Amino acid sequence: MTNNGATSPNDTSEFDYVIVGAGSAGCVLANRLSADGKHSVLLLEAGPKDTNLWIHVPLGYGKLFKEKTVNWMYQTEPEPGLNGRQVFQPRGKVLGGSSSINGLLYVRGQHEDYDRWRQHGNTGWGYDDVLPYFKKAEDQQRGSNDFHGAGGPLPVSDMLHADPLSGAFINAATEAGIPANPDFNGATQEGAGWFQTTTRNGRRASTAVAYLRPAKGRSNLRVETSALAQRLLFEGRRAAAVEYRQNGALRTVRARKEILVSSGAYNSPQLLQLSGVGPAELLKSHGIGVVLDAPGVGNDLQDHMQVRIVMLCAQPITLNDVLNHPVRRIMAGVRYAAFRKGPLTIAAGTSGAFFKTNPRLASPDVQIHFLPFSTDKMGEKLHPFSAFSASVCQVRPESRGSLRIRSADPMAPPEIRINYLATETDRAANVEGLKILRRILAAPALKPFVIEEKEPGAKVVSDEDLLAFCRLRGNTVYHPTSTCRMGNDPLAVVDQRLRVRGIEGLRVVDASVMPDLVSGNTNAPVIMIAEKASDMILQDAR
């Protein structure tokens, strides 16, 4: 399946489809487009194979946040709304992409998110249109129903480690007036409950595991790792080939039918700009010839932000207590190795809630992630004391930013500006979300577990102080989108079939095409987008 340099340095090969990026979308495309055996497919991935042990252990995401062998390790520019802080932006650089290093939560977003896409002129992308593709992808542990599928490639499972703190959070939320909800991906999102995860039998199910492995024996599919796409090559306004660097050699591969860019919300617009498709003035400033003046490429970047409250725990039952104790840590490892159970199966959120910060809103605007551990930043050491945390995440931020190349060097990280907390709506939602979260954390069900609020602490009370805390501690939830967004307006990059407007033979298929951010996590929607795109690509090939 994988070839790491058997071709000669000047080799120019040809495939029907060339996919750039083996992440949440690219692995889906590779599977579906090669399934009938009629088309030859090449999948290019800049990172290595997914052999790192921690990729496959659910709690291993904490080990991968700062692991540069599988992670692009990006940083934003100084964020004006966050006291000028730079915000770390981990992105997957490995087979499976970010689905190999993410927090594993399966949250599609609200029905209304997709209906809003359709209302913006994106015909075929309403909730009723996309639901069949969510179901097609899914192998739901609970079985199929009106909202879920069974037998698809992607395992969706209940939490294996239902710890008492996470259960108490759900009970506390209901005591605070938030209804219980057994399925955030069902009839409605609002409520409190357990998250489901993209795991099977206690192991991560990345798209490399769920989609690529079953396809590895196909003679019409080739996968190249450590292959960094440098630029797309054009014949007039048609995308004809991809130039990539592998093992020090520069190679070119032609696409007979289409090139599919699935490099994510940062690397897809970066590759287009490096190739001469983007804002003309930006390209000229870096000496890049303009193939198409497309000012929307890299525009409209959105991301979810989170702000955490840390509570000191009255009982030694947190993950801090387990992993900071040598004997308990070893026992947890043994339990996982033997039974695939225990705290090492924990995702980046065990239980949670969705609610409205204002009753006039049509649907929830805040998501809570509850975690039975605490840390200053994801990927860093857990606190040495017994504590748990819960974070506020505004699910529909208004703030938009941008992605711009810094130079014509494909190895240079792009300039990322997200503009967190740029609007009054965003600032108010975070402040009100923290107030409601505090009410939940003070409810009777959590009383036996709480000593006091460690951060921000009892002295932070006023709206001004809470906003200052957001600026001090606000961080990403790792959901960048919309930099090559779909639409009909002059700044839209792709049309409703994800074809780059003004260019032939080129589509973008990943989170960058979302018209705006969904009210949940982005992995499940990206897989849906790739499932739907696969059908459209095969239909258009007839």
Protein backbone atom coordinates (compact mmCIF):
# COMPACT_ATOMS: atom_id res chain seq x y z
CA MET A 1 0.00 0.00 0.00
CA THR A 2 2.69 2.51 1.00
CA ASN A 3 5.69 3.37 -1.12
CA ASN A 4 8.41 5.41 0.55
CA GLY A 5 10.62 6.15 -2.40
CA ALA A 6 10.70 3.24 -4.83
CA THR A 7 10.17 5.69 -7.68
CA SER A 8 13.09 7.52 -9.23
CA PRO A 9 13.69 11.19 -8.34
CA ASN A 10 12.39 12.41 -11.71
CA ASP A 11 9.47 10.02 -11.84
CA THR A 12 6.22 11.47 -13.20
CA SER A 13 3.37 9.08 -12.62
CA GLU A 14 -0.31 9.43 -13.41
CA PHE A 15 -3.50 8.52 -11.56
CA ASP A 16 -7.18 9.24 -12.08
CA TYR A 17 -7.39 10.96 -8.68
CA VAL A 18 -4.64 12.49 -6.59
CA ILE A 19 -5.63 13.24 -2.98
CA VAL A 20 -3.42 15.63 -1.02
CA GLY A 21 -3.66 14.88 2.70
CA ALA A 22 -4.51 11.59 4.45
CA GLY A 23 -6.57 13.06 7.28
CA SER A 24 -10.19 12.88 8.35
CA ALA A 25 -11.33 13.57 4.77
CA GLY A 26 -8.51 12.16 2.65
CA CYS A 27 -8.70 8.62 4.05
CA VAL A 28 -12.46 8.56 3.40
CA LEU A 29 -11.95 9.71 -0.20
CA ALA A 30 -9.21 7.15 -0.78
CA ASN A 31 -11.47 4.33 0.39
CA ARG A 32 -14.61 5.36 -1.47
CA LEU A 33 -12.99 6.40 -4.78
CA SER A 34 -11.00 3.17 -5.04
CA ALA A 35 -13.80 0.84 -3.90
CA ASP A 36 -15.18 -0.19 -7.30
CA GLY A 37 -11.76 -0.79 -8.82
CA LYS A 38 -12.49 1.46 -11.80
CA HIS A 39 -10.29 4.39 -10.82
CA SER A 40 -6.64 4.64 -9.83
CA VAL A 41 -6.07 6.71 -6.69
CA LEU A 42 -2.93 8.19 -5.12
CA LEU A 43 -3.06 9.45 -1.54
CA LEU A 44 -0.23 11.78 -0.47
CA GLU A 45 0.54 12.37 3.22
CA ALA A 46 3.23 14.73 4.48
CA GLY A 47 3.62 12.81 7.74
CA PRO A 48 4.61 9.23 8.59
CA LYS A 49 2.60 6.04 9.03
CA ASP A 50 0.46 5.87 12.17
CA THR A 51 2.82 3.55 14.07
CA ASN A 52 3.21 5.72 17.19
CA LEU A 53 1.76 3.64 20.07
CA TRP A 54 0.03 6.61 21.68
CA ILE A 55 -2.09 7.26 18.56
CA HIS A 56 -4.09 4.13 19.30
CA VAL A 57 -4.56 4.63 23.07
CA PRO A 58 -7.48 7.04 23.64
CA LEU A 59 -5.84 9.01 26.45
CA GLY A 60 -2.69 9.13 24.31
CA TYR A 61 -3.88 12.38 22.74
CA GLY A 62 -2.23 14.12 25.69
CA LYS A 63 1.13 12.69 24.59
CA LEU A 64 0.64 13.81 20.97
CA PHE A 65 -0.18 17.50 21.44
CA LYS A 66 3.51 18.41 21.46
CA GLU A 67 4.84 15.45 19.44
CA LYS A 68 6.38 17.07 16.36
CA THR A 69 6.82 13.79 14.48
CA VAL A 70 3.02 13.56 14.03
CA ASN A 71 1.97 17.18 14.56
CA TRP A 72 2.41 20.41 12.58
CA MET A 73 2.77 22.31 15.89
CA TYR A 74 1.41 25.60 14.56
CA GLN A 75 1.01 28.85 16.51
CA THR A 76 -1.30 31.77 15.91
CA GLU A 77 -0.05 35.30 15.62
CA PRO A 78 -0.47 37.30 18.84
CA GLU A 79 -4.23 37.37 19.50
CA PRO A 80 -5.55 40.89 20.31
CA GLY A 81 -8.55 39.49 22.22
CA LEU A 82 -6.36 37.24 24.38
CA ASN A 83 -3.92 39.83 25.75
CA GLY A 84 -1.62 39.38 22.76
CA ARG A 85 -0.98 35.71 23.53
CA GLN A 86 -0.07 33.25 20.81
CA VAL A 87 -2.28 30.16 20.83
CA PHE A 88 -0.81 26.74 20.08
CA GLN A 89 -2.56 24.99 17.18
CA PRO A 90 -1.82 21.25 16.99
CA ARG A 91 -2.77 19.61 13.68
CA GLY A 92 -2.22 16.01 12.63
CA LYS A 93 0.78 15.27 10.39
CA VAL A 94 0.41 11.49 10.07
CA LEU A 95 -1.86 8.93 8.41
CA GLY A 96 -5.29 9.80 9.78
CA GLY A 97 -4.35 13.46 10.16
CA SER A 98 -6.00 15.14 13.12
CA SER A 99 -8.28 12.12 13.58
CA SER A 100 -5.10 10.35 14.81
CA ILE A 101 -4.30 12.93 17.50
CA ASN A 102 -7.67 14.50 18.39
CA GLY A 103 -9.78 14.13 21.55
CA LEU A 104 -11.98 11.41 19.97
CA LEU A 105 -15.39 13.00 20.66
CA TYR A 106 -18.17 12.27 18.16
CA VAL A 107 -20.37 15.38 18.06
CA ARG A 108 -21.94 16.29 14.72
CA GLY A 109 -23.44 19.67 15.60
CA GLN A 110 -27.02 20.87 15.50
CA HIS A 111 -29.57 20.20 12.77
CA GLU A 112 -29.84 23.98 12.46
CA ASP A 113 -26.14 24.30 11.55
CA TYR A 114 -26.63 22.47 8.28
CA ASP A 115 -29.97 24.11 7.54
CA ARG A 116 -28.15 27.44 7.92
CA TRP A 117 -25.58 26.28 5.35
CA ARG A 118 -28.44 25.58 2.94
CA GLN A 119 -30.11 28.92 3.71
CA HIS A 120 -26.87 30.65 2.72
CA GLY A 121 -27.35 29.24 -0.77
CA ASN A 122 -25.56 25.91 -0.39
CA THR A 123 -28.17 23.66 -1.97
CA GLY A 124 -27.84 20.03 -0.96
CA TRP A 125 -26.20 20.74 2.41
CA GLY A 126 -29.24 21.01 4.71
CA TYR A 127 -29.62 18.61 7.62
CA ASP A 128 -31.92 16.26 5.71
CA ASP A 129 -29.33 16.18 2.92
CA VAL A 130 -26.32 15.38 5.11
CA LEU A 131 -27.95 12.98 7.61
CA PRO A 132 -27.75 10.00 5.20
CA TYR A 133 -23.98 10.51 4.98
CA PHE A 134 -23.53 10.66 8.74
CA LYS A 135 -25.46 7.38 8.90
CA LYS A 136 -23.52 5.84 6.00
CA ALA A 137 -20.23 6.49 7.78
CA GLU A 138 -21.33 5.27 11.18
CA ASP A 139 -21.10 1.96 12.99
CA GLN A 140 -23.11 3.00 16.03
CA GLN A 141 -22.65 0.75 19.07
CA ARG A 142 -26.28 1.32 20.07
CA GLY A 143 -27.55 0.20 16.66
CA SER A 144 -29.29 2.07 13.86
CA ASN A 145 -32.32 4.35 14.17
CA ASP A 146 -33.66 7.51 12.54
CA PHE A 147 -30.45 9.39 13.38
CA HIS A 148 -27.77 6.69 13.37
CA GLY A 149 -26.29 4.04 11.14
CA ALA A 150 -24.77 0.65 11.89
CA GLY A 151 -22.30 -1.27 9.77
CA GLY A 152 -20.42 1.75 8.39
CA PRO A 153 -16.63 2.10 8.59
CA LEU A 154 -16.51 4.51 11.57
CA PRO A 155 -17.05 3.01 15.05
CA VAL A 156 -19.00 5.26 17.44
CA SER A 157 -19.01 3.94 21.00
CA ASP A 158 -20.16 4.74 24.51
CA MET A 159 -17.64 5.67 27.17
CA LEU A 160 -15.92 2.60 28.63
CA HIS A 161 -14.83 4.41 31.78
CA ALA A 162 -17.93 5.93 33.39
CA ASP A 163 -16.25 7.57 36.39
CA PRO A 164 -18.31 8.92 39.32
CA LEU A 165 -17.27 12.55 38.78
CA SER A 166 -18.49 12.61 35.18
CA GLY A 167 -21.80 11.04 36.19
CA ALA A 168 -22.17 13.52 39.03
CA PHE A 169 -21.68 16.38 36.56
CA ILE A 170 -24.68 15.18 34.52
CA ASN A 171 -26.80 14.99 37.67
CA ALA A 172 -25.63 18.45 38.74
CA ALA A 173 -26.56 19.88 35.34
CA THR A 174 -30.11 18.49 35.61
CA GLU A 175 -30.34 19.95 39.11
CA ALA A 176 -29.36 23.31 37.58
CA GLY A 177 -32.28 23.06 35.11
CA ILE A 178 -30.60 21.51 32.06
CA PRO A 179 -32.50 18.46 30.77
CA ALA A 180 -30.79 15.08 30.54
CA ASN A 181 -29.95 14.08 26.97
CA PRO A 182 -28.81 10.52 26.15
CA ASP A 183 -27.79 11.43 22.58
CA PHE A 184 -26.23 14.74 21.53
CA ASN A 185 -26.44 13.53 17.91
CA GLY A 186 -30.11 12.59 17.98
CA ALA A 187 -33.36 14.55 17.79
CA THR A 188 -31.94 17.54 19.67
CA GLN A 189 -28.56 18.59 21.02
CA GLU A 190 -29.68 20.53 24.08
CA GLY A 191 -29.12 18.89 27.45
CA ALA A 192 -26.53 17.09 29.59
CA GLY A 193 -25.17 13.60 29.07
CA TRP A 194 -22.27 11.34 28.15
CA PHE A 195 -20.21 11.92 25.02
CA GLN A 196 -19.68 9.15 22.51
CA THR A 197 -16.28 8.55 20.96
CA THR A 198 -14.67 7.30 17.75
CA THR A 199 -13.28 4.19 19.39
CA ARG A 200 -13.71 0.44 19.16
CA ASN A 201 -12.91 -1.90 22.06
CA GLY A 202 -10.91 0.76 23.86
CA ARG A 203 -8.78 1.77 20.86
CA ARG A 204 -8.87 4.93 18.73
CA ALA A 205 -10.65 4.61 15.40
CA SER A 206 -8.97 7.27 13.24
CA THR A 207 -9.94 7.45 9.58
CA ALA A 208 -6.63 5.71 8.83
CA VAL A 209 -7.85 2.77 10.92
CA ALA A 210 -11.53 2.90 9.93
CA TYR A 211 -11.24 3.73 6.21
CA LEU A 212 -7.68 3.25 4.97
CA ARG A 213 -6.78 -0.11 6.50
CA PRO A 214 -9.73 -1.95 4.90
CA ALA A 215 -8.64 -0.57 1.50
CA LYS A 216 -4.92 -1.32 1.79
CA GLY A 217 -5.01 -4.43 -0.40
CA ARG A 218 -6.49 -2.70 -3.43
CA SER A 219 -4.21 -2.65 -6.45
CA ASN A 220 -5.70 0.65 -7.66
CA LEU A 221 -4.84 2.55 -4.44
CA ARG A 222 -1.35 3.81 -3.64
CA VAL A 223 -0.43 5.65 -0.45
CA GLU A 224 2.74 7.72 -0.16
CA THR A 225 3.86 8.92 3.29
CA SER A 226 6.48 11.56 4.09
CA ALA A 227 5.33 13.22 0.86
CA LEU A 228 4.90 16.98 1.29
CA ALA A 229 2.91 18.65 -1.49
CA GLN A 230 4.83 21.76 -2.62
CA ARG A 231 2.42 23.15 -5.18
CA LEU A 232 -0.22 22.31 -7.75
CA LEU A 233 0.68 22.61 -11.41
CA PHE A 234 -1.78 24.04 -13.92
CA GLU A 235 -2.38 23.87 -17.64
CA GLY A 236 -4.21 27.11 -18.21
CA ARG A 237 -7.03 27.10 -15.64
CA ARG A 238 -6.97 23.32 -15.18
CA ALA A 239 -5.21 21.68 -12.24
CA ALA A 240 -3.07 19.03 -13.90
CA ALA A 241 -0.47 17.76 -11.43
CA VAL A 242 0.93 17.86 -7.91
CA GLU A 243 4.58 18.51 -7.18
CA TYR A 244 5.71 16.93 -3.91
CA ARG A 245 8.93 16.32 -2.01
CA GLN A 246 9.71 12.89 -0.62
CA ASN A 247 13.01 11.66 0.86
CA GLY A 248 14.80 14.71 -0.51
CA ALA A 249 13.57 14.17 -4.06
CA LEU A 250 11.12 16.38 -5.94
CA ARG A 251 8.42 14.37 -7.71
CA THR A 252 5.45 15.16 -9.92
CA VAL A 253 2.23 13.20 -10.28
CA ARG A 254 -0.47 13.95 -12.84
CA ALA A 255 -4.20 13.60 -12.31
CA ARG A 256 -6.27 12.40 -15.27
CA LYS A 257 -9.57 13.38 -13.68
CA GLU A 258 -9.17 15.52 -10.54
CA ILE A 259 -6.89 16.71 -7.77
CA LEU A 260 -8.57 16.63 -4.37
CA VAL A 261 -7.02 18.86 -1.72
CA SER A 262 -7.82 17.51 1.76
CA SER A 263 -5.08 19.09 3.83
CA GLY A 264 -7.25 20.80 6.43
CA ALA A 265 -8.25 24.34 7.28
CA TYR A 266 -4.62 25.51 7.49
CA ASN A 267 -2.76 23.49 4.87
CA SER A 268 -5.38 23.52 2.11
CA PRO A 269 -5.47 27.32 1.70
CA GLN A 270 -1.69 27.36 2.18
CA LEU A 271 -1.23 24.94 -0.74
CA LEU A 272 -3.64 26.90 -2.96
CA GLN A 273 -1.81 30.14 -2.22
CA LEU A 274 1.61 28.55 -2.85
CA SER A 275 0.22 27.34 -6.18
CA GLY A 276 -0.99 30.75 -7.38
CA VAL A 277 -4.65 30.52 -6.33
CA GLY A 278 -5.41 33.17 -3.74
CA PRO A 279 -5.36 36.93 -3.08
CA ALA A 280 -3.33 38.36 -5.97
CA GLU A 281 -1.50 40.99 -3.94
CA LEU A 282 -0.40 38.41 -1.37
CA LEU A 283 0.89 36.07 -4.05
CA LYS A 284 2.74 38.82 -5.91
CA SER A 285 4.37 39.98 -2.67
CA HIS A 286 5.98 36.53 -2.39
CA GLY A 287 6.93 36.27 -6.05
CA ILE A 288 4.28 33.68 -6.87
CA GLY A 289 2.68 33.82 -10.32
CA VAL A 290 -1.09 34.38 -10.13
CA VAL A 291 -3.11 31.57 -11.70
CA LEU A 292 -6.38 32.87 -10.24
CA ASP A 293 -7.02 35.97 -8.15
CA ALA A 294 -9.20 34.32 -5.47
CA PRO A 295 -9.36 36.76 -2.52
CA GLY A 296 -11.43 34.33 -0.41
CA VAL A 297 -8.69 31.70 -0.14
CA GLY A 298 -7.58 31.85 3.50
CA ASN A 299 -10.38 34.17 4.55
CA ASP A 300 -13.13 33.58 7.14
CA LEU A 301 -11.10 31.34 9.47
CA GLN A 302 -13.12 30.26 12.51
CA ASP A 303 -12.28 28.21 15.59
CA HIS A 304 -13.89 27.22 18.87
CA MET A 305 -12.40 28.69 22.03
CA GLN A 306 -12.63 27.16 25.50
CA VAL A 307 -12.23 28.57 29.01
CA ARG A 308 -11.73 26.12 31.87
CA ILE A 309 -12.83 26.18 35.49
CA VAL A 310 -10.70 24.01 37.79
CA MET A 311 -12.21 22.54 40.98
CA LEU A 312 -10.23 21.06 43.87
CA CYS A 313 -11.60 17.57 44.52
CA ALA A 314 -12.44 16.27 48.00
CA GLN A 315 -11.76 12.63 47.09
CA PRO A 316 -8.62 11.09 45.49
CA ILE A 317 -10.53 9.79 42.45
CA THR A 318 -9.37 12.09 39.68
CA LEU A 319 -7.00 11.18 36.87
CA ASN A 320 -4.49 13.52 38.56
CA ASP A 321 -4.49 11.11 41.52
CA VAL A 322 -4.07 8.06 39.29
CA LEU A 323 -1.31 9.29 36.97
CA ASN A 324 0.66 11.12 39.68
CA HIS A 325 0.81 7.97 41.84
CA PRO A 326 3.41 5.46 40.58
CA VAL A 327 1.54 2.33 41.67
CA ARG A 328 -1.89 3.50 40.50
CA ARG A 329 -0.37 4.64 37.18
CA ILE A 330 1.15 1.19 36.59
CA MET A 331 -2.12 -0.51 37.54
CA ALA A 332 -4.01 1.68 35.06
CA GLY A 333 -1.55 0.68 32.33
CA VAL A 334 -1.85 -3.00 33.18
CA ARG A 335 -5.66 -2.77 33.18
CA TYR A 336 -5.64 -1.13 29.77
CA ALA A 337 -3.14 -3.61 28.32
CA ALA A 338 -5.14 -6.59 29.60
CA PHE A 339 -8.73 -5.46 29.18
CA ARG A 340 -8.71 -2.18 27.14
CA LYS A 341 -10.58 -0.57 30.05
CA GLY A 342 -9.97 2.02 32.73
CA PRO A 343 -8.79 5.64 32.73
CA LEU A 344 -6.58 5.24 29.65
CA THR A 345 -9.78 5.00 27.57
CA ILE A 346 -10.83 8.54 28.54
CA ALA A 347 -11.42 11.02 25.69
CA ALA A 348 -11.04 14.81 25.79
CA GLY A 349 -14.40 15.13 27.50
CA THR A 350 -16.32 12.40 29.29
CA SER A 351 -19.66 14.04 29.95
CA GLY A 352 -20.93 17.45 28.99
CA ALA A 353 -23.82 19.74 28.27
CA PHE A 354 -25.25 22.07 25.64
CA PHE A 355 -27.38 25.02 26.73
CA LYS A 356 -28.53 28.52 25.81
CA THR A 357 -26.95 31.49 27.56
CA ASN A 358 -30.02 33.51 26.57
CA PRO A 359 -33.56 32.03 26.49
CA ARG A 360 -34.32 34.03 23.32
CA LEU A 361 -31.82 31.95 21.33
CA ALA A 362 -33.23 29.32 18.97
CA SER A 363 -30.66 26.67 19.94
CA PRO A 364 -27.78 26.15 22.42
CA ASP A 365 -24.80 28.45 22.03
CA VAL A 366 -22.47 26.91 24.63
CA GLN A 367 -20.97 23.44 25.04
CA ILE A 368 -19.43 22.19 28.28
CA HIS A 369 -16.66 19.59 28.27
CA PHE A 370 -16.28 17.90 31.65
CA LEU A 371 -12.94 16.21 32.46
CA PRO A 372 -12.05 14.17 35.57
CA PHE A 373 -8.57 15.74 35.58
CA SER A 374 -6.97 19.18 35.41
CA THR A 375 -3.96 20.78 33.76
CA ASP A 376 -2.81 24.26 32.81
CA LYS A 377 -2.75 23.33 29.12
CA MET A 378 -3.57 20.20 27.15
CA GLY A 379 -0.43 18.18 26.52
CA GLU A 380 1.25 19.42 29.69
CA LYS A 381 1.58 17.67 33.06
CA LEU A 382 -1.53 17.14 35.16
CA HIS A 383 -1.74 19.24 38.30
CA PRO A 384 -0.01 17.65 41.32
CA PHE A 385 -3.19 18.05 43.40
CA SER A 386 -6.57 16.30 43.20
CA ALA A 387 -8.79 18.29 40.84
CA PHE A 388 -11.21 18.14 37.93
CA SER A 389 -12.19 20.67 35.29
CA ALA A 390 -15.00 21.79 33.02
CA SER A 391 -14.71 24.18 30.09
CA VAL A 392 -17.06 26.62 28.39
CA CYS A 393 -17.01 26.60 24.60
CA GLN A 394 -19.11 29.01 22.54
CA VAL A 395 -20.29 26.82 19.68
CA ARG A 396 -21.16 29.52 17.10
CA PRO A 397 -18.54 32.26 17.34
CA GLU A 398 -18.96 35.30 15.12
CA SER A 399 -15.25 36.15 15.08
CA ARG A 400 -13.42 35.40 11.85
CA GLY A 401 -9.74 35.45 11.02
CA SER A 402 -7.38 34.52 8.20
CA LEU A 403 -4.66 32.20 6.94
CA ARG A 404 -1.83 33.66 4.86
CA ILE A 405 1.44 32.22 3.60
CA ARG A 406 4.55 33.99 4.92
CA SER A 407 6.71 33.14 1.91
CA ALA A 408 6.90 30.93 -1.17
CA ASP A 409 8.62 28.25 0.93
CA PRO A 410 6.25 25.28 1.41
CA MET A 411 8.04 24.42 4.67
CA ALA A 412 7.36 27.82 6.25
CA PRO A 413 4.42 27.69 8.69
CA PRO A 414 1.54 29.94 7.64
CA GLU A 415 0.43 33.09 9.39
CA ILE A 416 -2.68 32.23 11.43
CA ARG A 417 -4.98 34.91 12.83
CA ILE A 418 -8.19 33.71 14.49
CA ASN A 419 -9.37 36.89 16.26
CA TYR A 420 -10.89 35.19 19.31
CA LEU A 421 -13.40 37.32 21.25
CA ALA A 422 -13.52 39.96 18.51
CA THR A 423 -17.29 40.57 18.81
CA GLU A 424 -19.59 41.52 21.67
CA THR A 425 -21.70 38.39 21.08
CA ASP A 426 -18.63 36.19 21.56
CA ARG A 427 -17.53 38.00 24.70
CA ALA A 428 -21.01 37.88 26.26
CA ALA A 429 -21.53 34.17 25.45
CA ASN A 430 -18.32 33.20 27.20
CA VAL A 431 -19.06 35.28 30.29
CA GLU A 432 -22.65 34.01 30.58
CA GLY A 433 -21.46 30.45 29.91
CA LEU A 434 -19.04 30.65 32.84
CA LYS A 435 -21.83 31.89 35.12
CA ILE A 436 -24.09 28.97 34.18
CA LEU A 437 -21.23 26.48 34.49
CA ARG A 438 -20.55 27.78 38.01
CA ARG A 439 -24.18 27.13 38.91
CA ILE A 440 -23.83 23.54 37.71
CA LEU A 441 -20.59 23.03 39.64
CA ALA A 442 -22.29 24.34 42.81
CA ALA A 443 -25.29 21.98 42.50
CA PRO A 444 -25.93 19.30 45.19
CA ALA A 445 -24.79 16.31 43.09
CA LEU A 446 -21.20 17.61 43.03
CA LYS A 447 -21.08 18.82 46.65
CA PRO A 448 -19.45 15.59 48.00
CA PHE A 449 -16.61 16.00 45.49
CA VAL A 450 -15.82 19.74 45.79
CA ILE A 451 -13.48 21.53 48.16
CA GLU A 452 -13.42 24.85 46.31
CA GLU A 453 -12.95 26.50 42.95
CA LYS A 454 -9.23 26.67 42.26
CA GLU A 455 -9.45 28.71 39.04
CA PRO A 456 -10.55 31.42 38.40
CA GLY A 457 -11.38 31.43 42.15
CA ALA A 458 -13.92 33.11 44.39
CA LYS A 459 -12.53 36.61 43.85
CA VAL A 460 -13.48 36.59 40.15
CA VAL A 461 -17.16 37.56 40.19
CA SER A 462 -18.03 40.56 38.00
CA ASP A 463 -18.62 40.34 34.25
CA GLU A 464 -15.49 42.42 33.73
CA ASP A 465 -13.40 40.04 35.82
CA LEU A 466 -14.84 36.98 34.08
CA LEU A 467 -14.05 38.50 30.67
CA ALA A 468 -10.52 39.27 31.86
CA PHE A 469 -10.21 35.60 32.86
CA CYS A 470 -11.36 34.57 29.37
CA ARG A 471 -8.67 36.76 27.86
CA LEU A 472 -6.05 35.35 30.24
CA ARG A 473 -6.92 31.66 29.92
CA GLY A 474 -8.96 31.24 26.72
CA ASN A 475 -7.57 28.54 24.46
CA THR A 476 -8.47 26.65 21.31
CA VAL A 477 -10.70 23.55 21.13
CA TYR A 478 -8.82 22.65 17.92
CA HIS A 479 -11.63 23.15 15.39
CA PRO A 480 -10.37 25.48 12.62
CA THR A 481 -12.69 25.76 9.61
CA SER A 482 -13.96 27.86 6.69
CA THR A 483 -10.74 29.05 4.99
CA CYS A 484 -11.89 27.70 1.59
CA ARG A 485 -15.56 28.05 2.30
CA MET A 486 -18.44 26.94 0.13
CA GLY A 487 -20.89 29.47 -1.28
CA ASN A 488 -22.07 31.63 -4.19
CA ASP A 489 -20.67 35.02 -3.16
CA PRO A 490 -17.45 36.56 -4.55
CA LEU A 491 -15.34 35.40 -1.58
CA ALA A 492 -16.58 31.78 -1.67
CA VAL A 493 -13.76 29.46 -2.76
CA VAL A 494 -15.70 26.31 -3.71
CA ASP A 495 -19.16 25.69 -5.11
CA GLN A 496 -21.79 23.29 -3.75
CA ARG A 497 -19.95 20.34 -5.30
CA LEU A 498 -16.73 21.51 -3.64
CA ARG A 499 -15.11 22.44 -6.97
CA VAL A 500 -12.75 25.40 -6.76
CA ARG A 501 -14.54 28.24 -8.50
CA GLY A 502 -12.68 29.37 -11.62
CA ILE A 503 -10.46 26.26 -11.82
CA GLU A 504 -11.13 22.93 -13.53
CA GLY A 505 -10.14 19.54 -12.14
CA LEU A 506 -9.70 20.74 -8.56
CA ARG A 507 -11.80 20.29 -5.42
CA VAL A 508 -11.23 20.98 -1.76
CA VAL A 509 -12.70 18.42 0.63
CA ASP A 510 -12.13 19.05 4.34
CA ALA A 511 -13.10 21.39 7.21
CA SER A 512 -11.99 24.43 5.22
CA VAL A 513 -15.12 24.23 3.00
CA MET A 514 -17.57 24.66 5.90
CA PRO A 515 -19.49 27.92 5.35
CA ASP A 516 -19.30 28.42 9.10
CA LEU A 517 -18.39 26.45 12.18
CA VAL A 518 -20.73 23.71 13.40
CA SER A 519 -22.02 23.56 16.97
CA GLY A 520 -19.91 20.60 18.01
CA ASN A 521 -16.67 18.88 17.10
CA THR A 522 -15.39 18.90 13.54
CA ASN A 523 -14.17 15.33 12.92
CA ALA A 524 -17.62 13.79 12.37
CA PRO A 525 -18.77 16.59 9.99
CA VAL A 526 -15.54 16.36 7.98
CA ILE A 527 -16.04 12.61 7.53
CA MET A 528 -19.62 13.34 6.41
CA ILE A 529 -18.36 15.97 3.94
CA ALA A 530 -15.91 13.46 2.46
CA GLU A 531 -18.60 10.77 2.20
CA LYS A 532 -20.86 13.18 0.33
CA ALA A 533 -18.01 14.48 -1.82
CA SER A 534 -17.09 10.92 -2.82
CA ASP A 535 -20.56 10.40 -4.25
CA MET A 536 -20.44 13.72 -6.11
CA ILE A 537 -16.99 13.01 -7.56
CA LEU A 538 -18.04 9.58 -8.82
CA GLN A 539 -21.29 11.01 -10.24
CA ASP A 540 -19.37 13.72 -12.10
CA ALA A 541 -16.92 11.15 -13.49
CA ARG A 542 -19.64 9.32 -15.43
